[in-house]
Amino acid sequence: EKRFPYGRPYILAHPELLKLPIIGPGGPGKLPNFEALIKVHPQVIFMVFVSRSEANEVQSKTGIPVVVLSYGTLSNFTDREFFNSLLLAGRILGKEKRAENVIRFIENQQSYLENLTNGLEGPTVYVGGIGYKGAHGITSTYTDYAPFTVLHLNNIASKIGSKNGWAQVDKEFLLRENPDYLFIDEGGLKIILSDYNNNPSFYNSLKAVKKGHVYGVLPYNFYNTNMGIAIADAYYIGKVIYPGRFRNINPVKKANEILKFLDGKPVYGQLANEFGGFGEVNLTNGNVTYGLPTNP
């Protein structure tokens, strides 16, 4: 099986992890291969996004203790359930101090972003191309996209009900709500560029496209949620919307600072090479050029 670091900063920072044995296909809803799992002799198995019955099945078939962790809802960066999972993993692994430091770091990032934007009447925003059990196009979004929430931005998708935050809107909804700024999760960028080629009139009818307010952000729910990328995206989005408030922030430098603390190495450049990185998206030629609003 081919192994690659695509979209995962912890693998880009630690390529030696690719040499570890494979214990299953991975992906949503897939349990590990029990024989392969037993062969690597783990003392404990951590699992996320599994039911109690699935965790019990793995534990009973392997005879190895299973600990279930959770990201929580992640409508912002400081979800209590997510933090409790970090603390639990830290206790089991003997890394309590590191878990506490990671939590403090994330809390500080959120506080900084919230304080910079508190009380501002922002423009309307939308993010499309969100991945959910695979790549999707412009109509795939989050009703509670964490970077928007933390920046107090008016996310047009928040009007839509959703059980887990993910939602598919229709193009009529986008035309009707007509957001001031359009952000593209670059996990879905290829699909969106293909759709643009097939139906440019829809995109060109959007206010954000007419004004050149279309920006790319890195996918943070690629192979489960990557908190570091989500926080880095928030800094870039904040710089786009509020360049004055964020005048002292260099989003690329900030992304590297965040990724270095959480993953060990400043790997923003490699992620940008894979996906496009922070920048203005030109839908006609697919180029992503690092930049901020030219005509706010």
Protein backbone atom coordinates (compact mmCIF):
# COMPACT_ATOMS: atom_id res chain seq x y z
CA GLU A 1 0.00 0.00 0.00
CA LYS A 2 1.33 3.43 -0.96
CA ARG A 3 1.82 5.71 2.03
CA PHE A 4 1.95 9.47 1.83
CA PRO A 5 1.90 12.47 4.16
CA TYR A 6 -0.78 14.31 2.17
CA GLY A 7 -2.55 16.90 4.29
CA ARG A 8 -1.14 15.77 7.62
CA PRO A 9 1.34 18.13 9.27
CA TYR A 10 2.31 15.58 11.94
CA ILE A 11 3.49 13.20 9.21
CA LEU A 12 5.26 15.99 7.31
CA ALA A 13 7.04 16.85 10.57
CA HIS A 14 7.77 13.21 11.42
CA PRO A 15 8.18 11.17 8.20
CA GLU A 16 9.70 8.36 10.28
CA LEU A 17 6.12 7.50 11.32
CA LEU A 18 5.53 6.25 7.77
CA LYS A 19 7.83 3.30 8.53
CA LEU A 20 5.46 1.97 11.20
CA PRO A 21 3.38 -1.13 10.31
CA ILE A 22 -0.08 -0.60 8.80
CA ILE A 23 -2.86 -2.05 10.97
CA GLY A 24 -5.85 -1.21 8.76
CA PRO A 25 -7.14 0.74 5.77
CA GLY A 26 -8.15 3.80 7.81
CA GLY A 27 -10.97 6.11 6.83
CA PRO A 28 -14.45 6.74 8.21
CA GLY A 29 -16.19 3.78 9.85
CA LYS A 30 -13.41 1.25 9.20
CA LEU A 31 -12.11 -0.86 12.07
CA PRO A 32 -8.48 -2.01 12.15
CA ASN A 33 -7.31 -5.42 10.99
CA PHE A 34 -7.31 -7.37 14.27
CA GLU A 35 -4.47 -9.73 13.32
CA ALA A 36 -2.24 -6.86 12.19
CA LEU A 37 -3.11 -4.92 15.34
CA ILE A 38 -2.22 -7.78 17.70
CA LYS A 39 1.10 -8.30 15.87
CA VAL A 40 2.38 -4.84 16.89
CA HIS A 41 1.72 -5.63 20.61
CA PRO A 42 0.27 -2.29 21.78
CA GLN A 43 -0.27 -1.80 25.52
CA VAL A 44 -3.27 0.43 24.85
CA ILE A 45 -5.41 1.30 21.82
CA PHE A 46 -6.76 4.84 21.33
CA MET A 47 -9.81 5.23 19.09
CA VAL A 48 -11.89 8.22 17.94
CA PHE A 49 -15.25 8.46 16.20
CA VAL A 50 -16.31 4.96 17.26
CA SER A 51 -19.36 3.71 19.10
CA ARG A 52 -19.21 1.94 22.45
CA SER A 53 -20.04 -1.37 20.72
CA GLU A 54 -17.19 -0.93 18.20
CA ALA A 55 -14.72 -0.11 20.99
CA ASN A 56 -15.90 -3.16 22.97
CA GLU A 57 -15.51 -5.33 19.86
CA VAL A 58 -11.89 -4.22 19.36
CA GLN A 59 -11.13 -4.72 23.06
CA SER A 60 -12.73 -8.19 23.24
CA LYS A 61 -11.13 -9.43 19.99
CA THR A 62 -7.63 -8.20 20.85
CA GLY A 63 -7.59 -8.44 24.65
CA ILE A 64 -5.96 -4.98 24.71
CA PRO A 65 -7.49 -2.05 26.65
CA VAL A 66 -9.27 0.46 24.36
CA VAL A 67 -9.60 4.15 25.25
CA VAL A 68 -12.12 6.20 23.26
CA LEU A 69 -11.25 9.85 22.69
CA SER A 70 -13.42 12.60 21.21
CA TYR A 71 -12.93 15.89 19.38
CA GLY A 72 -16.24 17.16 20.75
CA THR A 73 -18.23 19.44 18.46
CA LEU A 74 -15.28 21.73 17.60
CA SER A 75 -17.51 24.72 16.88
CA ASN A 76 -14.57 26.64 18.36
CA PHE A 77 -11.01 25.70 19.40
CA THR A 78 -11.55 25.22 23.14
CA ASP A 79 -14.11 22.44 23.24
CA ARG A 80 -14.18 20.91 26.75
CA GLU A 81 -14.66 17.35 25.46
CA PHE A 82 -11.63 17.74 23.19
CA PHE A 83 -9.52 19.09 26.07
CA ASN A 84 -10.66 16.27 28.38
CA SER A 85 -9.53 13.77 25.72
CA LEU A 86 -6.10 15.43 25.57
CA LEU A 87 -5.80 15.29 29.35
CA LEU A 88 -6.88 11.64 29.44
CA ALA A 89 -4.38 10.66 26.73
CA GLY A 90 -1.71 12.68 28.54
CA ARG A 91 -2.32 10.83 31.80
CA ILE A 92 -2.21 7.40 30.14
CA LEU A 93 0.95 8.23 28.15
CA GLY A 94 2.73 9.95 31.02
CA LYS A 95 2.63 13.27 29.12
CA GLU A 96 0.35 15.27 31.39
CA LYS A 97 2.54 18.39 31.23
CA ARG A 98 2.57 18.38 27.43
CA ALA A 99 -1.22 17.96 27.34
CA GLU A 100 -1.64 20.91 29.71
CA ASN A 101 0.76 23.04 27.65
CA VAL A 102 -1.10 22.22 24.41
CA ILE A 103 -4.43 23.17 26.01
CA ARG A 104 -2.98 26.44 27.35
CA PHE A 105 -1.52 27.22 23.91
CA ILE A 106 -4.87 26.64 22.16
CA GLU A 107 -6.77 28.67 24.78
CA ASN A 108 -4.33 31.56 24.33
CA GLN A 109 -4.72 31.50 20.54
CA GLN A 110 -8.50 31.58 20.79
CA SER A 111 -8.49 34.39 23.38
CA TYR A 112 -6.18 36.48 21.19
CA LEU A 113 -8.35 36.03 18.10
CA GLU A 114 -11.58 36.68 19.99
CA ASN A 115 -10.23 39.82 21.64
CA LEU A 116 -8.96 41.23 18.33
CA THR A 117 -12.40 40.94 16.73
CA ASN A 118 -14.79 41.36 19.65
CA GLY A 119 -17.63 43.81 19.01
CA LEU A 120 -16.89 44.27 15.29
CA GLU A 121 -19.75 44.26 12.78
CA GLY A 122 -18.17 42.05 10.15
CA PRO A 123 -19.13 41.26 6.56
CA THR A 124 -21.01 38.09 5.60
CA VAL A 125 -18.82 35.06 4.88
CA TYR A 126 -19.10 31.51 3.57
CA VAL A 127 -16.71 28.58 3.26
CA GLY A 128 -17.23 25.93 0.58
CA GLY A 129 -15.40 22.77 -0.45
CA ILE A 130 -15.45 21.28 3.06
CA GLY A 131 -14.48 17.61 3.09
CA TYR A 132 -16.85 15.14 4.72
CA LYS A 133 -16.15 11.44 4.18
CA GLY A 134 -14.49 12.50 0.95
CA ALA A 135 -13.99 15.66 -1.11
CA HIS A 136 -16.92 17.95 -1.99
CA GLY A 137 -17.61 21.11 -3.98
CA ILE A 138 -18.80 24.65 -3.29
CA THR A 139 -22.09 23.63 -1.64
CA SER A 140 -20.34 21.63 1.13
CA THR A 141 -19.92 23.75 4.25
CA TYR A 142 -19.96 23.99 8.03
CA THR A 143 -22.79 25.76 9.82
CA ASP A 144 -20.40 26.40 12.72
CA TYR A 145 -17.02 26.74 10.96
CA ALA A 146 -14.68 27.24 13.92
CA PRO A 147 -12.46 30.02 12.45
CA PHE A 148 -15.57 32.09 11.65
CA THR A 149 -17.01 31.49 15.14
CA VAL A 150 -13.82 32.55 16.92
CA LEU A 151 -13.54 35.68 14.74
CA HIS A 152 -17.21 36.62 15.40
CA LEU A 153 -17.94 36.55 11.66
CA ASN A 154 -21.41 36.35 10.14
CA ASN A 155 -21.43 32.88 8.55
CA ILE A 156 -24.41 32.71 6.16
CA ALA A 157 -24.56 28.90 6.64
CA SER A 158 -25.40 29.33 10.35
CA LYS A 159 -29.04 29.78 9.25
CA ILE A 160 -29.15 26.09 8.29
CA GLY A 161 -29.79 23.37 10.85
CA SER A 162 -27.28 20.56 11.05
CA LYS A 163 -26.71 17.66 13.46
CA ASN A 164 -22.91 17.65 13.26
CA GLY A 165 -22.11 21.07 11.81
CA TRP A 166 -21.61 19.81 8.25
CA ALA A 167 -24.23 20.76 5.67
CA GLN A 168 -24.89 20.72 1.96
CA VAL A 169 -26.54 23.92 0.77
CA ASP A 170 -27.94 24.49 -2.69
CA LYS A 171 -26.63 27.03 -5.17
CA GLU A 172 -29.86 29.03 -4.93
CA PHE A 173 -29.11 29.56 -1.23
CA LEU A 174 -25.66 30.94 -2.11
CA LEU A 175 -27.10 33.26 -4.75
CA ARG A 176 -29.80 34.45 -2.36
CA GLU A 177 -27.49 35.06 0.61
CA ASN A 178 -24.68 36.33 -1.64
CA PRO A 179 -21.82 36.54 0.91
CA ASP A 180 -19.30 39.40 0.87
CA TYR A 181 -16.38 36.98 1.17
CA LEU A 182 -16.05 33.46 -0.18
CA PHE A 183 -13.46 31.12 1.33
CA ILE A 184 -12.57 27.84 -0.32
CA ASP A 185 -11.37 24.85 1.69
CA GLU A 186 -8.63 23.67 -0.65
CA GLY A 187 -9.48 20.02 -0.06
CA GLY A 188 -12.37 20.71 -2.47
CA LEU A 189 -10.59 23.23 -4.72
CA LYS A 190 -10.17 20.89 -7.71
CA ILE A 191 -13.88 20.02 -7.66
CA ILE A 192 -14.80 23.71 -7.45
CA LEU A 193 -12.48 24.68 -10.32
CA SER A 194 -13.98 21.92 -12.47
CA ASP A 195 -17.49 23.09 -11.55
CA TYR A 196 -16.53 26.67 -12.42
CA ASN A 197 -15.40 25.57 -15.88
CA ASN A 198 -18.75 23.84 -16.39
CA ASN A 199 -20.88 26.62 -14.93
CA PRO A 200 -19.01 29.95 -14.75
CA SER A 201 -22.21 32.04 -14.82
CA PHE A 202 -23.26 30.81 -11.35
CA TYR A 203 -19.93 31.78 -9.76
CA ASN A 204 -19.68 35.06 -11.67
CA SER A 205 -23.11 36.03 -10.30
CA LEU A 206 -21.73 35.99 -6.74
CA LYS A 207 -20.74 39.32 -5.20
CA ALA A 208 -17.56 37.86 -3.70
CA VAL A 209 -16.40 36.60 -7.11
CA LYS A 210 -17.17 39.93 -8.81
CA LYS A 211 -15.16 41.82 -6.19
CA GLY A 212 -12.26 39.35 -6.17
CA HIS A 213 -12.98 38.34 -2.58
CA VAL A 214 -12.32 34.61 -3.05
CA TYR A 215 -9.65 33.15 -0.79
CA GLY A 216 -8.15 29.72 -0.21
CA VAL A 217 -7.62 28.18 3.21
CA LEU A 218 -6.00 24.89 4.18
CA PRO A 219 -8.28 21.91 4.90
CA TYR A 220 -8.26 21.11 8.60
CA ASN A 221 -10.57 18.11 8.66
CA PHE A 222 -8.42 16.01 6.37
CA TYR A 223 -7.80 12.63 8.09
CA ASN A 224 -9.78 13.86 11.10
CA THR A 225 -9.52 17.34 12.54
CA ASN A 226 -6.18 19.13 12.72
CA MET A 227 -6.48 21.88 15.31
CA GLY A 228 -3.23 23.60 14.32
CA ILE A 229 -4.39 24.16 10.75
CA ALA A 230 -7.81 25.37 11.94
CA ILE A 231 -6.17 28.03 14.14
CA ALA A 232 -3.76 29.03 11.35
CA ASP A 233 -6.73 29.41 8.96
CA ALA A 234 -8.39 31.74 11.49
CA TYR A 235 -5.36 34.05 11.50
CA TYR A 236 -5.37 34.23 7.70
CA ILE A 237 -9.14 34.82 7.53
CA GLY A 238 -8.83 37.53 10.19
CA LYS A 239 -6.06 39.23 8.19
CA VAL A 240 -8.22 39.15 5.05
CA ILE A 241 -11.32 40.61 6.71
CA TYR A 242 -9.65 42.97 9.21
CA PRO A 243 -6.20 43.92 7.84
CA GLY A 244 -6.01 46.87 10.27
CA ARG A 245 -6.66 44.78 13.38
CA PHE A 246 -4.27 42.08 12.15
CA ARG A 247 -1.57 44.46 10.86
CA ASN A 248 1.07 42.91 13.14
CA ILE A 249 0.22 39.36 12.05
CA ASN A 250 1.97 37.53 9.22
CA PRO A 251 -0.35 34.53 8.64
CA VAL A 252 2.35 32.32 7.09
CA LYS A 253 4.77 33.02 9.94
CA LYS A 254 1.95 32.45 12.43
CA ALA A 255 1.00 29.14 10.76
CA ASN A 256 4.60 27.93 11.06
CA GLU A 257 4.77 29.02 14.71
CA ILE A 258 1.56 27.09 15.49
CA LEU A 259 2.59 23.96 13.56
CA LYS A 260 6.06 23.96 15.11
CA PHE A 261 4.62 24.07 18.63
CA LEU A 262 1.97 21.39 17.99
CA ASP A 263 3.77 19.09 15.53
CA GLY A 264 7.47 19.82 15.99
CA LYS A 265 8.32 21.45 12.65
CA PRO A 266 7.16 24.53 10.68
CA VAL A 267 5.60 22.68 7.72
CA TYR A 268 3.23 25.33 6.32
CA GLY A 269 5.25 25.51 3.07
CA GLN A 270 4.78 21.79 2.38
CA LEU A 271 1.04 22.04 3.05
CA ALA A 272 0.84 25.05 0.74
CA ASN A 273 2.60 23.05 -1.98
CA GLU A 274 0.02 20.28 -1.63
CA PHE A 275 -3.13 22.40 -1.52
CA GLY A 276 -2.37 25.97 -2.65
CA GLY A 277 -2.04 27.60 0.75
CA PHE A 278 -3.38 30.96 1.93
CA GLY A 279 -4.16 33.23 -0.98
CA GLU A 280 -6.51 34.78 -3.49
CA VAL A 281 -8.10 32.15 -5.73
CA ASN A 282 -8.40 32.84 -9.43
CA LEU A 283 -11.29 30.61 -10.53
CA THR A 284 -10.54 31.02 -14.24
CA ASN A 285 -7.04 29.56 -14.10
CA GLY A 286 -7.00 27.82 -10.72
CA ASN A 287 -4.06 29.83 -9.38
CA VAL A 288 -3.80 30.57 -5.67
CA THR A 289 -1.68 33.67 -5.09
CA TYR A 290 -0.75 34.67 -1.57
CA GLY A 291 -2.40 38.00 -0.93
CA LEU A 292 -4.94 40.10 0.91
CA PRO A 293 -7.93 42.11 -0.39
CA THR A 294 -7.03 44.37 -3.28
CA ASN A 295 -10.38 46.18 -3.21
CA PRO A 296 -12.03 45.72 0.20
